[in-house]
Every structure is written in C-alpha cells, then in structure tokens.
Amino acid sequence: MTIDPLTNSATFDVMAIADGNIESPELLELIAGGTVFGYASTDKSNITITDVSNKHITVTGPATVAEGNGITYRFSLPAGVTTTSDITIALAADGASTATLADLTGMPAVKILSGQQYVDVTFNAKADMLIEADETLTLNASAATFTFSQPVSFNITDGDLAAAGISLSVAPGSVAEGGSAIVKATLTGGVTAAADITVALSRGERLPCLLPSMVHWVPSPSRRAPQKVRLRFPRIPTCSWKQQRLWRSEERRRRAFP
C-alpha cells in the first residue's frame, strides 16, 4: 500500500470470505510499518469477522411409532454448511403433549458434531403393557442462535391391545336354583387398561335337553305281568324343571301301564 505525494492516507479493501462454516467471531490483526524520510513508524489495527452462515436446522422424521419400536429423526444444517464446533440441541416436552418422556425408553442426546452437516437420533417408545388410547409427544428443540423448522412430534400407538383377550371363568360351575355363582372376566396377556373396559355378557346357545330312558322291563318267572327295575331319577342340568317333571310323570305312567 502506498500513500501518494501530497496526500496523508491510503485505503484498501479487506474482503471476508463466506466459507460455509458455522463458527465463533474471529479476530484479524493487521500490522503496518513504513519509513518516512528515514523515520520508521509501525501501527496495528484489528478486524472482527463475524459468522453469517445460515443457522437454521431442519427437523424431519416419521409421524407415528408403535410401542416397543423406534423412529429416527434427522437434524440437518443447510446444504453446504458445516460447523467448526459441536452443536448441542436441547429437547423439552411441550405442555400440550398427551404423552410424557416416561413413554420413551430414554431421552437421546442430540449433537451435531464438528465438521458434520447433520445428526440422526432414534426415539424408542416403551412397551408398557397398558391398553390405552394413542398419545402424542411433542419435543421443542433449542440451541443458542439457531432456529428450527419444526419440533419433534409423533404419535405413539398402543401395542398391547392386539395381544390381549378376555377370559371368563365361573365358580362354582354348578349352582342350585336360588343360589349364585361368581363370573370373573380377566384380561389375558399380562396387560392392564388405562380406562374402564365394559364386558357385555349374553346367553349362549342352550344345551339340548337329553332325557334318558330310565325304565327297563324284565319278564316275570311266573309269566305274569312283567316287572320293572326301579331306578332313581337323576337331575338333568340341561333340562328345565318343567321338562324333568313331565319326563318323570311319563316314566311313572309307563311303569304302571306297560
């Protein structure tokens, strides 16, 4: 650089190059020295170069995950932009979420490493053995001086209902008129439910009323009227009391009039 005669200054341009690196402000020190009629003079001046890289992080990932499974989200810097130091991203559950962090097996660390353009992070939904409605978990992302395209947000679908069933048991299995039995409905598969489960009961197909023939005829040694073998009438659980009374009456008639 030359100061022309009859002037007392000279200028030149310093151009800061856009390098596509996200970095802290940098200090450039310029040192000048010259001789004026044998007199040596030096001086220095500083220039601070600030980063103008695009600090917008794009968040992408699936919208749904089933319990017991995982999904992967990507946090990306703009195309052509990297970082000279690690970028740590904090995630916090949004107050409008119907799910909580407890519905995950753990909160993963989110960090874009130095020299990288993106990071992939996996979120694992916990298998909780609880039948429940689908839930939504929204995680707001933050990092100093950065903006984000959207939060991490996905639905957690229940993975326990498909394996569950309802088992009915009755104790005792036989009861006399006027008595009672306890009917128990049990969820199978080792699961519980987050809400009431209404079990509708209906009468199944009636078992057929099978009335055995209880009278056997044998000839009398004196060739008189045949004799009958006397047998006790059993109770038939599948027949009504009216049916059983009619059956007994008919059997008695048959014994009296062979």
Foldseek 3Di string as FASTA:
>chain_A
DDDDPPGDDDDDDDDDDQQQEQDAKDKDKAKDWDADPNRIDIDIDIDIHGHPHAQEWEKDWDAEDEAQAKIKIKTFGPPSHFYQAKFWKDKDWDPVWPDDQVQWPHDDTAIRGGPGGMDMDMTHGHQDLEADAKTKTWIAIDTPPHHYPGTDMHIYGYDNPVVKDKDWDWPPPDDDPVDDIDIDIDIPPPHYYPDDDDDDDDDDDQDDFDADQDWDWDADPVRDPTAIDDDDGDDGVSDDPVVSVVVVVVNVVVRVPD
